[in-house]
């Protein structure tokens, strides 16, 4: 079942490298804007927090590691909404919309 070229990838289990490649293709095709592509292309932080305030260690996630980017960006969007950062909310909302296809 290796049809990733024709189908939308599973964003709950995808490597950073695969996500960037898919985002690049989507950007080149005009499906996402530059801010969305840039956000997806940024490396993950070494640590982050979840919406409950728990610290998550992401240091073992590499470009080749399968990771749940869909939930990660949804959590970051929820945090940005609770903080009240409209610029970050808009950017992350665009990313989440792209990953929720």
PDB file of N, CA and C in Angstrom:
ATOM      1  N   UNK A   1       0.828  -1.193   0.000  1.00  0.00           N
ATOM      2  CA  UNK A   1       0.000   0.000   0.000  1.00  0.00           C
ATOM      3  C   UNK A   1       0.871   1.254   0.000  1.00  0.00           C
ATOM      4  N   UNK A   2       1.629   1.443  -1.028  1.00  0.00           N
ATOM      5  CA  UNK A   2       2.541   2.574  -1.106  1.00  0.00           C
ATOM      6  C   UNK A   2       2.020   3.576  -2.127  1.00  0.00           C
ATOM      7  N   UNK A   3       0.930   4.239  -1.801  1.00  0.00           N
ATOM      8  CA  UNK A   3       0.292   5.179  -2.712  1.00  0.00           C
ATOM      9  C   UNK A   3       0.353   6.601  -2.179  1.00  0.00           C
ATOM     10  N   UNK A   4       1.417   6.942  -1.442  1.00  0.00           N
ATOM     11  CA  UNK A   4       1.485   8.260  -0.816  1.00  0.00           C
ATOM     12  C   UNK A   4       1.561   9.387  -1.832  1.00  0.00           C
ATOM     13  N   UNK A   5       2.010   9.105  -3.047  1.00  0.00           N
ATOM     14  CA  UNK A   5       2.088  10.169  -4.041  1.00  0.00           C
ATOM     15  C   UNK A   5       0.697  10.632  -4.475  1.00  0.00           C
ATOM     16  N   UNK A   6      -0.256   9.698  -4.548  1.00  0.00           N
ATOM     17  CA  UNK A   6      -1.591  10.041  -5.018  1.00  0.00           C
ATOM     18  C   UNK A   6      -2.525  10.435  -3.882  1.00  0.00           C
ATOM     19  N   UNK A   7      -2.287   9.923  -2.697  1.00  0.00           N
ATOM     20  CA  UNK A   7      -3.187  10.150  -1.571  1.00  0.00           C
ATOM     21  C   UNK A   7      -2.597  11.152  -0.590  1.00  0.00           C
ATOM     22  N   UNK A   8      -3.476  11.720   0.202  1.00  0.00           N
ATOM     23  CA  UNK A   8      -3.041  12.601   1.276  1.00  0.00           C
ATOM     24  C   UNK A   8      -2.391  11.749   2.355  1.00  0.00           C
ATOM     25  N   UNK A   9      -1.216  12.147   2.840  1.00  0.00           N
ATOM     26  CA  UNK A   9      -0.557  11.346   3.877  1.00  0.00           C
ATOM     27  C   UNK A   9      -1.306  11.383   5.203  1.00  0.00           C
ATOM     28  N   UNK A  10      -0.960  10.448   6.065  1.00  0.00           N
ATOM     29  CA  UNK A  10      -1.515  10.397   7.416  1.00  0.00           C
ATOM     30  C   UNK A  10      -0.701  11.342   8.290  1.00  0.00           C
ATOM     31  N   UNK A  11      -1.240  12.519   8.564  1.00  0.00           N
ATOM     32  CA  UNK A  11      -0.498  13.530   9.310  1.00  0.00           C
ATOM     33  C   UNK A  11      -0.374  13.202  10.794  1.00  0.00           C
ATOM     34  N   UNK A  12      -1.014  12.108  11.222  1.00  0.00           N
ATOM     35  CA  UNK A  12      -0.848  11.685  12.610  1.00  0.00           C
ATOM     36  C   UNK A  12       0.322  10.719  12.753  1.00  0.00           C
ATOM     37  N   UNK A  13       0.931  10.346  11.641  1.00  0.00           N
ATOM     38  CA  UNK A  13       2.091   9.450  11.664  1.00  0.00           C
ATOM     39  C   UNK A  13       2.930   9.708  10.415  1.00  0.00           C
ATOM     40  N   UNK A  14       3.674  10.808  10.436  1.00  0.00           N
ATOM     41  CA  UNK A  14       4.472  11.211   9.279  1.00  0.00           C
ATOM     42  C   UNK A  14       5.776  11.814   9.789  1.00  0.00           C
ATOM     43  N   UNK A  15       6.833  11.648   9.032  1.00  0.00           N
ATOM     44  CA  UNK A  15       8.105  12.250   9.438  1.00  0.00           C
ATOM     45  C   UNK A  15       8.121  13.729   9.049  1.00  0.00           C
ATOM     46  N   UNK A  16       8.973  14.476   9.709  1.00  0.00           N
ATOM     47  CA  UNK A  16       9.105  15.904   9.398  1.00  0.00           C
ATOM     48  C   UNK A  16       9.531  16.092   7.948  1.00  0.00           C
ATOM     49  N   UNK A  17      10.423  15.245   7.481  1.00  0.00           N
ATOM     50  CA  UNK A  17      10.893  15.334   6.109  1.00  0.00           C
ATOM     51  C   UNK A  17       9.748  15.097   5.117  1.00  0.00           C
ATOM     52  N   UNK A  18       8.935  14.061   5.369  1.00  0.00           N
ATOM     53  CA  UNK A  18       7.794  13.777   4.491  1.00  0.00           C
ATOM     54  C   UNK A  18       6.772  14.908   4.533  1.00  0.00           C
ATOM     55  N   UNK A  19       6.538  15.456   5.717  1.00  0.00           N
ATOM     56  CA  UNK A  19       5.591  16.563   5.848  1.00  0.00           C
ATOM     57  C   UNK A  19       6.069  17.776   5.062  1.00  0.00           C
ATOM     58  N   UNK A  20       7.354  18.109   5.179  1.00  0.00           N
ATOM     59  CA  UNK A  20       7.901  19.252   4.431  1.00  0.00           C
ATOM     60  C   UNK A  20       7.785  19.033   2.926  1.00  0.00           C
ATOM     61  N   UNK A  21       8.070  17.809   2.471  1.00  0.00           N
ATOM     62  CA  UNK A  21       7.964  17.517   1.040  1.00  0.00           C
ATOM     63  C   UNK A  21       6.528  17.693   0.547  1.00  0.00           C
ATOM     64  N   UNK A  22       5.572  17.177   1.308  1.00  0.00           N
ATOM     65  CA  UNK A  22       4.161  17.314   0.928  1.00  0.00           C
ATOM     66  C   UNK A  22       3.735  18.781   0.963  1.00  0.00           C
ATOM     67  N   UNK A  23       4.181  19.497   1.986  1.00  0.00           N
ATOM     68  CA  UNK A  23       3.854  20.923   2.092  1.00  0.00           C
ATOM     69  C   UNK A  23       4.474  21.696   0.927  1.00  0.00           C
ATOM     70  N   UNK A  24       5.683  21.324   0.541  1.00  0.00           N
ATOM     71  CA  UNK A  24       6.350  21.997  -0.582  1.00  0.00           C
ATOM     72  C   UNK A  24       5.545  21.799  -1.865  1.00  0.00           C
ATOM     73  N   UNK A  25       5.104  20.566  -2.096  1.00  0.00           N
ATOM     74  CA  UNK A  25       4.289  20.288  -3.283  1.00  0.00           C
ATOM     75  C   UNK A  25       2.986  21.087  -3.238  1.00  0.00           C
ATOM     76  N   UNK A  26       2.391  21.169  -2.063  1.00  0.00           N
ATOM     77  CA  UNK A  26       1.138  21.916  -1.904  1.00  0.00           C
ATOM     78  C   UNK A  26       1.360  23.406  -2.109  1.00  0.00           C
ATOM     79  N   UNK A  27       2.483  23.924  -1.612  1.00  0.00           N
ATOM     80  CA  UNK A  27       2.819  25.334  -1.802  1.00  0.00           C
ATOM     81  C   UNK A  27       3.039  25.622  -3.286  1.00  0.00           C
ATOM     82  N   UNK A  28       3.820  24.760  -3.943  1.00  0.00           N
ATOM     83  CA  UNK A  28       4.091  24.943  -5.373  1.00  0.00           C
ATOM     84  C   UNK A  28       2.809  24.885  -6.204  1.00  0.00           C
ATOM     85  N   UNK A  29       1.833  24.091  -5.749  1.00  0.00           N
ATOM     86  CA  UNK A  29       0.556  23.960  -6.463  1.00  0.00           C
ATOM     87  C   UNK A  29      -0.429  25.064  -6.088  1.00  0.00           C
ATOM     88  N   UNK A  30      -0.047  25.930  -5.139  1.00  0.00           N
ATOM     89  CA  UNK A  30      -0.919  27.020  -4.727  1.00  0.00           C
ATOM     90  C   UNK A  30      -1.977  26.629  -3.708  1.00  0.00           C
ATOM     91  N   UNK A  31      -1.844  25.439  -3.110  1.00  0.00           N
ATOM     92  CA  UNK A  31      -2.844  24.966  -2.147  1.00  0.00           C
ATOM     93  C   UNK A  31      -2.659  25.583  -0.762  1.00  0.00           C
ATOM     94  N   UNK A  32      -1.433  26.006  -0.440  1.00  0.00           N
ATOM     95  CA  UNK A  32      -1.172  26.679   0.838  1.00  0.00           C
ATOM     96  C   UNK A  32      -0.348  27.930   0.573  1.00  0.00           C
ATOM     97  N   UNK A  33      -0.432  28.878   1.497  1.00  0.00           N
ATOM     98  CA  UNK A  33       0.319  30.121   1.325  1.00  0.00           C
ATOM     99  C   UNK A  33       1.722  30.004   1.929  1.00  0.00           C
ATOM    100  N   UNK A  34       2.511  31.040   1.754  1.00  0.00           N
ATOM    101  CA  UNK A  34       3.900  31.023   2.191  1.00  0.00           C
ATOM    102  C   UNK A  34       4.026  30.916   3.713  1.00  0.00           C
ATOM    103  N   UNK A  35       3.156  31.598   4.461  1.00  0.00           N
ATOM    104  CA  UNK A  35       3.222  31.523   5.923  1.00  0.00           C
ATOM    105  C   UNK A  35       2.949  30.111   6.425  1.00  0.00           C
ATOM    106  N   UNK A  36       1.984  29.446   5.825  1.00  0.00           N
ATOM    107  CA  UNK A  36       1.670  28.066   6.209  1.00  0.00           C
ATOM    108  C   UNK A  36       2.849  27.161   5.903  1.00  0.00           C
ATOM    109  N   UNK A  37       3.413  27.307   4.713  1.00  0.00           N
ATOM    110  CA  UNK A  37       4.573  26.498   4.336  1.00  0.00           C
ATOM    111  C   UNK A  37       5.751  26.768   5.269  1.00  0.00           C
ATOM    112  N   UNK A  38       6.001  28.025   5.580  1.00  0.00           N
ATOM    113  CA  UNK A  38       7.121  28.371   6.459  1.00  0.00           C
ATOM    114  C   UNK A  38       6.932  27.780   7.852  1.00  0.00           C
ATOM    115  N   UNK A  39       5.717  27.829   8.371  1.00  0.00           N
ATOM    116  CA  UNK A  39       5.446  27.275   9.698  1.00  0.00           C
ATOM    117  C   UNK A  39       5.683  25.772   9.711  1.00  0.00           C
ATOM    118  N   UNK A  40       5.201  25.088   8.701  1.00  0.00           N
ATOM    119  CA  UNK A  40       5.393  23.637   8.616  1.00  0.00           C
ATOM    120  C   UNK A  40       6.870  23.295   8.440  1.00  0.00           C
ATOM    121  N   UNK A  41       7.622  24.153   7.771  1.00  0.00           N
ATOM    122  CA  UNK A  41       9.036  23.891   7.508  1.00  0.00           C
ATOM    123  C   UNK A  41       9.938  24.139   8.708  1.00  0.00           C
ATOM    124  N   UNK A  42       9.433  24.869   9.711  1.00  0.00           N
ATOM    125  CA  UNK A  42      10.246  25.138  10.897  1.00  0.00           C
ATOM    126  C   UNK A  42      10.505  23.842  11.653  1.00  0.00           C
ATOM    127  N   UNK A  43      11.721  23.673  12.182  1.00  0.00           N
ATOM    128  CA  UNK A  43      11.975  22.476  12.997  1.00  0.00           C
ATOM    129  C   UNK A  43      11.171  22.532  14.296  1.00  0.00           C
ATOM    130  N   UNK A  44      10.847  21.369  14.812  1.00  0.00           N
ATOM    131  CA  UNK A  44      10.151  21.304  16.096  1.00  0.00           C
ATOM    132  C   UNK A  44      11.079  21.792  17.201  1.00  0.00           C
ATOM    133  N   UNK A  45      10.524  22.370  18.241  1.00  0.00           N
ATOM    134  CA  UNK A  45      11.364  22.759  19.379  1.00  0.00           C
ATOM    135  C   UNK A  45      11.822  21.507  20.134  1.00  0.00           C
ATOM    136  N   UNK A  46      12.841  21.655  20.950  1.00  0.00           N
ATOM    137  CA  UNK A  46      13.309  20.533  21.770  1.00  0.00           C
ATOM    138  C   UNK A  46      12.268  20.168  22.824  1.00  0.00           C
ATOM    139  N   UNK A  47      11.582  21.187  23.340  1.00  0.00           N
ATOM    140  CA  UNK A  47      10.520  20.989  24.331  1.00  0.00           C
ATOM    141  C   UNK A  47       9.374  21.932  24.005  1.00  0.00           C
ATOM    142  N   UNK A  48       8.188  21.501  24.383  1.00  0.00           N
ATOM    143  CA  UNK A  48       7.004  22.332  24.210  1.00  0.00           C
ATOM    144  C   UNK A  48       6.035  22.008  25.340  1.00  0.00           C
ATOM    145  N   UNK A  49       4.929  22.713  25.370  1.00  0.00           N
ATOM    146  CA  UNK A  49       3.901  22.395  26.357  1.00  0.00           C
ATOM    147  C   UNK A  49       2.637  21.959  25.636  1.00  0.00           C
ATOM    148  N   UNK A  50       1.839  21.172  26.331  1.00  0.00           N
ATOM    149  CA  UNK A  50       0.538  20.809  25.790  1.00  0.00           C
ATOM    150  C   UNK A  50      -0.506  21.741  26.402  1.00  0.00           C
ATOM    151  N   UNK A  51      -1.749  21.678  25.945  1.00  0.00           N
ATOM    152  CA  UNK A  51      -2.775  22.596  26.463  1.00  0.00           C
ATOM    153  C   UNK A  51      -3.000  22.497  27.979  1.00  0.00           C
ATOM    154  N   UNK A  52      -2.608  21.386  28.584  1.00  0.00           N
ATOM    155  CA  UNK A  52      -2.764  21.224  30.037  1.00  0.00           C
ATOM    156  C   UNK A  52      -1.584  21.782  30.814  1.00  0.00           C
ATOM    157  N   UNK A  53      -0.563  22.250  30.093  1.00  0.00           N
ATOM    158  CA  UNK A  53       0.614  22.814  30.742  1.00  0.00           C
ATOM    159  C   UNK A  53       1.724  21.817  30.995  1.00  0.00           C
ATOM    160  N   UNK A  54       1.562  20.583  30.535  1.00  0.00           N
ATOM    161  CA  UNK A  54       2.610  19.576  30.690  1.00  0.00           C
ATOM    162  C   UNK A  54       3.743  19.846  29.711  1.00  0.00           C
ATOM    163  N   UNK A  55       4.968  19.688  30.168  1.00  0.00           N
ATOM    164  CA  UNK A  55       6.129  19.863  29.299  1.00  0.00           C
ATOM    165  C   UNK A  55       6.357  18.567  28.530  1.00  0.00           C
ATOM    166  N   UNK A  56       6.489  18.689  27.222  1.00  0.00           N
ATOM    167  CA  UNK A  56       6.728  17.541  26.356  1.00  0.00           C
ATOM    168  C   UNK A  56       8.134  17.622  25.788  1.00  0.00           C
ATOM    169  N   UNK A  57       8.881  16.536  25.894  1.00  0.00           N
ATOM    170  CA  UNK A  57      10.234  16.465  25.356  1.00  0.00           C
ATOM    171  C   UNK A  57      10.156  15.959  23.919  1.00  0.00           C
ATOM    172  N   UNK A  58      10.527  16.807  22.979  1.00  0.00           N
ATOM    173  CA  UNK A  58      10.497  16.435  21.562  1.00  0.00           C
ATOM    174  C   UNK A  58      11.901  16.221  21.004  1.00  0.00           C
ATOM    175  N   UNK A  59      12.897  16.159  21.886  1.00  0.00           N
ATOM    176  CA  UNK A  59      14.287  16.100  21.434  1.00  0.00           C
ATOM    177  C   UNK A  59      14.611  14.831  20.651  1.00  0.00           C
ATOM    178  N   UNK A  60      13.826  13.775  20.830  1.00  0.00           N
ATOM    179  CA  UNK A  60      14.100  12.540  20.090  1.00  0.00           C
ATOM    180  C   UNK A  60      13.399  12.486  18.734  1.00  0.00           C
ATOM    181  N   UNK A  61      12.636  13.510  18.387  1.00  0.00           N
ATOM    182  CA  UNK A  61      11.956  13.552  17.090  1.00  0.00           C
ATOM    183  C   UNK A  61      12.919  14.147  16.063  1.00  0.00           C
ATOM    184  N   UNK A  62      13.298  13.333  15.087  1.00  0.00           N
ATOM    185  CA  UNK A  62      14.220  13.771  14.040  1.00  0.00           C
ATOM    186  C   UNK A  62      13.456  13.932  12.724  1.00  0.00           C
ATOM    187  N   UNK A  63      14.162  14.303  11.674  1.00  0.00           N
ATOM    188  CA  UNK A  63      13.535  14.448  10.359  1.00  0.00           C
ATOM    189  C   UNK A  63      12.935  13.140   9.860  1.00  0.00           C
ATOM    190  N   UNK A  64      13.465  12.007  10.334  1.00  0.00           N
ATOM    191  CA  UNK A  64      12.995  10.706   9.860  1.00  0.00           C
ATOM    192  C   UNK A  64      12.023  10.027  10.826  1.00  0.00           C
ATOM    193  N   UNK A  65      11.768  10.637  11.977  1.00  0.00           N
ATOM    194  CA  UNK A  65      10.902  10.042  12.998  1.00  0.00           C
ATOM    195  C   UNK A  65       9.434  10.284  12.673  1.00  0.00           C
ATOM    196  N   UNK A  66       8.641   9.233  12.733  1.00  0.00           N
ATOM    197  CA  UNK A  66       7.196   9.379  12.570  1.00  0.00           C
ATOM    198  C   UNK A  66       6.647  10.122  13.783  1.00  0.00           C
ATOM    199  N   UNK A  67       5.821  11.134  13.522  1.00  0.00           N
ATOM    200  CA  UNK A  67       5.333  12.001  14.594  1.00  0.00           C
ATOM    201  C   UNK A  67       3.908  12.428  14.272  1.00  0.00           C
ATOM    202  N   UNK A  68       3.117  12.704  15.303  1.00  0.00           N
ATOM    203  CA  UNK A  68       1.735  13.136  15.112  1.00  0.00           C
ATOM    204  C   UNK A  68       1.695  14.662  14.983  1.00  0.00           C
ATOM    205  N   UNK A  69       1.956  15.159  13.784  1.00  0.00           N
ATOM    206  CA  UNK A  69       1.963  16.603  13.543  1.00  0.00           C
ATOM    207  C   UNK A  69       0.563  17.200  13.639  1.00  0.00           C
ATOM    208  N   UNK A  70      -0.455  16.421  13.282  1.00  0.00           N
ATOM    209  CA  UNK A  70      -1.824  16.933  13.354  1.00  0.00           C
ATOM    210  C   UNK A  70      -2.158  17.350  14.791  1.00  0.00           C
ATOM    211  N   UNK A  71      -1.937  16.457  15.753  1.00  0.00           N
ATOM    212  CA  UNK A  71      -2.238  16.784  17.149  1.00  0.00           C
ATOM    213  C   UNK A  71      -1.308  17.856  17.695  1.00  0.00           C
ATOM    214  N   UNK A  72      -0.039  17.825  17.278  1.00  0.00           N
ATOM    215  CA  UNK A  72       0.917  18.833  17.749  1.00  0.00           C
ATOM    216  C   UNK A  72       0.441  20.238  17.374  1.00  0.00           C
ATOM    217  N   UNK A  73       0.094  20.436  16.108  1.00  0.00           N
ATOM    218  CA  UNK A  73      -0.336  21.768  15.671  1.00  0.00           C
ATOM    219  C   UNK A  73      -1.706  22.147  16.243  1.00  0.00           C
ATOM    220  N   UNK A  74      -2.588  21.171  16.429  1.00  0.00           N
ATOM    221  CA  UNK A  74      -3.875  21.464  17.080  1.00  0.00           C
ATOM    222  C   UNK A  74      -3.646  21.943  18.511  1.00  0.00           C
ATOM    223  N   UNK A  75      -2.744  21.277  19.233  1.00  0.00           N
ATOM    224  CA  UNK A  75      -2.427  21.692  20.605  1.00  0.00           C
ATOM    225  C   UNK A  75      -1.813  23.086  20.630  1.00  0.00           C
ATOM    226  N   UNK A  76      -0.900  23.358  19.699  1.00  0.00           N
ATOM    227  CA  UNK A  76      -0.265  24.676  19.663  1.00  0.00           C
ATOM    228  C   UNK A  76      -1.290  25.762  19.335  1.00  0.00           C
ATOM    229  N   UNK A  77      -2.247  25.444  18.469  1.00  0.00           N
ATOM    230  CA  UNK A  77      -3.326  26.387  18.153  1.00  0.00           C
ATOM    231  C   UNK A  77      -4.168  26.665  19.393  1.00  0.00           C
ATOM    232  N   UNK A  78      -4.503  25.626  20.127  1.00  0.00           N
ATOM    233  CA  UNK A  78      -5.302  25.796  21.345  1.00  0.00           C
ATOM    234  C   UNK A  78      -4.566  26.682  22.354  1.00  0.00           C
ATOM    235  N   UNK A  79      -3.265  26.489  22.481  1.00  0.00           N
ATOM    236  CA  UNK A  79      -2.459  27.310  23.395  1.00  0.00           C
ATOM    237  C   UNK A  79      -2.445  28.762  22.923  1.00  0.00           C
ATOM    238  N   UNK A  80      -2.244  28.980  21.624  1.00  0.00           N
ATOM    239  CA  UNK A  80      -2.216  30.343  21.081  1.00  0.00           C
ATOM    240  C   UNK A  80      -3.553  31.047  21.291  1.00  0.00           C
ATOM    241  N   UNK A  81      -4.650  30.310  21.152  1.00  0.00           N
ATOM    242  CA  UNK A  81      -5.977  30.892  21.388  1.00  0.00           C
ATOM    243  C   UNK A  81      -6.111  31.296  22.849  1.00  0.00           C
ATOM    244  N   UNK A  82      -5.666  30.436  23.756  1.00  0.00           N
ATOM    245  CA  UNK A  82      -5.807  30.742  25.186  1.00  0.00           C
ATOM    246  C   UNK A  82      -4.917  31.903  25.608  1.00  0.00           C
ATOM    247  N   UNK A  83      -3.780  32.060  24.943  1.00  0.00           N
ATOM    248  CA  UNK A  83      -2.879  33.177  25.244  1.00  0.00           C
ATOM    249  C   UNK A  83      -3.420  34.473  24.646  1.00  0.00           C
ATOM    250  N   UNK A  84      -4.114  34.355  23.524  1.00  0.00           N
ATOM    251  CA  UNK A  84      -4.663  35.535  22.863  1.00  0.00           C
ATOM    252  C   UNK A  84      -3.691  36.168  21.893  1.00  0.00           C
ATOM    253  N   UNK A  85      -2.986  35.333  21.116  1.00  0.00           N
ATOM    254  CA  UNK A  85      -2.014  35.804  20.132  1.00  0.00           C
ATOM    255  C   UNK A  85      -2.623  35.648  18.736  1.00  0.00           C
ATOM    256  N   UNK A  86      -3.306  36.701  18.225  1.00  0.00           N
ATOM    257  CA  UNK A  86      -4.059  36.559  16.975  1.00  0.00           C
ATOM    258  C   UNK A  86      -3.201  36.208  15.758  1.00  0.00           C
ATOM    259  N   UNK A  87      -1.981  36.712  15.696  1.00  0.00           N
ATOM    260  CA  UNK A  87      -1.119  36.411  14.549  1.00  0.00           C
ATOM    261  C   UNK A  87      -0.755  34.927  14.525  1.00  0.00           C
ATOM    262  N   UNK A  88      -0.375  34.402  15.678  1.00  0.00           N
ATOM    263  CA  UNK A  88      -0.036  32.985  15.771  1.00  0.00           C
ATOM    264  C   UNK A  88      -1.271  32.124  15.553  1.00  0.00           C
ATOM    265  N   UNK A  89      -2.411  32.551  16.074  1.00  0.00           N
ATOM    266  CA  UNK A  89      -3.664  31.815  15.878  1.00  0.00           C
ATOM    267  C   UNK A  89      -3.969  31.701  14.387  1.00  0.00           C
ATOM    268  N   UNK A  90      -3.860  32.790  13.653  1.00  0.00           N
ATOM    269  CA  UNK A  90      -4.156  32.773  12.218  1.00  0.00           C
ATOM    270  C   UNK A  90      -3.213  31.828  11.480  1.00  0.00           C
ATOM    271  N   UNK A  91      -1.930  31.893  11.813  1.00  0.00           N
ATOM    272  CA  UNK A  91      -0.935  31.041  11.157  1.00  0.00           C
ATOM    273  C   UNK A  91      -1.186  29.565  11.471  1.00  0.00           C
ATOM    274  N   UNK A  92      -1.395  29.256  12.747  1.00  0.00           N
ATOM    275  CA  UNK A  92      -1.612  27.862  13.138  1.00  0.00           C
ATOM    276  C   UNK A  92      -2.960  27.336  12.656  1.00  0.00           C
ATOM    277  N   UNK A  93      -3.962  28.193  12.580  1.00  0.00           N
ATOM    278  CA  UNK A  93      -5.260  27.777  12.060  1.00  0.00           C
ATOM    279  C   UNK A  93      -5.126  27.342  10.602  1.00  0.00           C
ATOM    280  N   UNK A  94      -4.306  28.052   9.852  1.00  0.00           N
ATOM    281  CA  UNK A  94      -4.055  27.695   8.463  1.00  0.00           C
ATOM    282  C   UNK A  94      -3.349  26.338   8.368  1.00  0.00           C
ATOM    283  N   UNK A  95      -2.391  26.107   9.256  1.00  0.00           N
ATOM    284  CA  UNK A  95      -1.674  24.824   9.272  1.00  0.00           C
ATOM    285  C   UNK A  95      -2.633  23.693   9.635  1.00  0.00           C
ATOM    286  N   UNK A  96      -3.431  23.893  10.685  1.00  0.00           N
ATOM    287  CA  UNK A  96      -4.376  22.857  11.118  1.00  0.00           C
ATOM    288  C   UNK A  96      -5.388  22.561  10.009  1.00  0.00           C
ATOM    289  N   UNK A  97      -5.857  23.579   9.322  1.00  0.00           N
ATOM    290  CA  UNK A  97      -6.791  23.363   8.206  1.00  0.00           C
ATOM    291  C   UNK A  97      -6.143  22.523   7.113  1.00  0.00           C
ATOM    292  N   UNK A  98      -4.887  22.784   6.827  1.00  0.00           N
ATOM    293  CA  UNK A  98      -4.144  22.019   5.825  1.00  0.00           C
ATOM    294  C   UNK A  98      -4.003  20.559   6.261  1.00  0.00           C
ATOM    295  N   UNK A  99      -3.711  20.338   7.542  1.00  0.00           N
ATOM    296  CA  UNK A  99      -3.490  18.978   8.042  1.00  0.00           C
ATOM    297  C   UNK A  99      -4.787  18.213   8.275  1.00  0.00           C
ATOM    298  N   UNK A 100      -5.910  18.908   8.328  1.00  0.00           N
ATOM    299  CA  UNK A 100      -7.201  18.260   8.574  1.00  0.00           C
ATOM    300  C   UNK A 100      -7.919  17.843   7.299  1.00  0.00           C
ATOM    301  N   UNK A 101      -7.240  17.877   6.178  1.00  0.00           N
ATOM    302  CA  UNK A 101      -7.888  17.504   4.910  1.00  0.00           C
ATOM    303  C   UNK A 101      -8.247  16.037   4.871  1.00  0.00           C
TER     304      UNK A 101
END
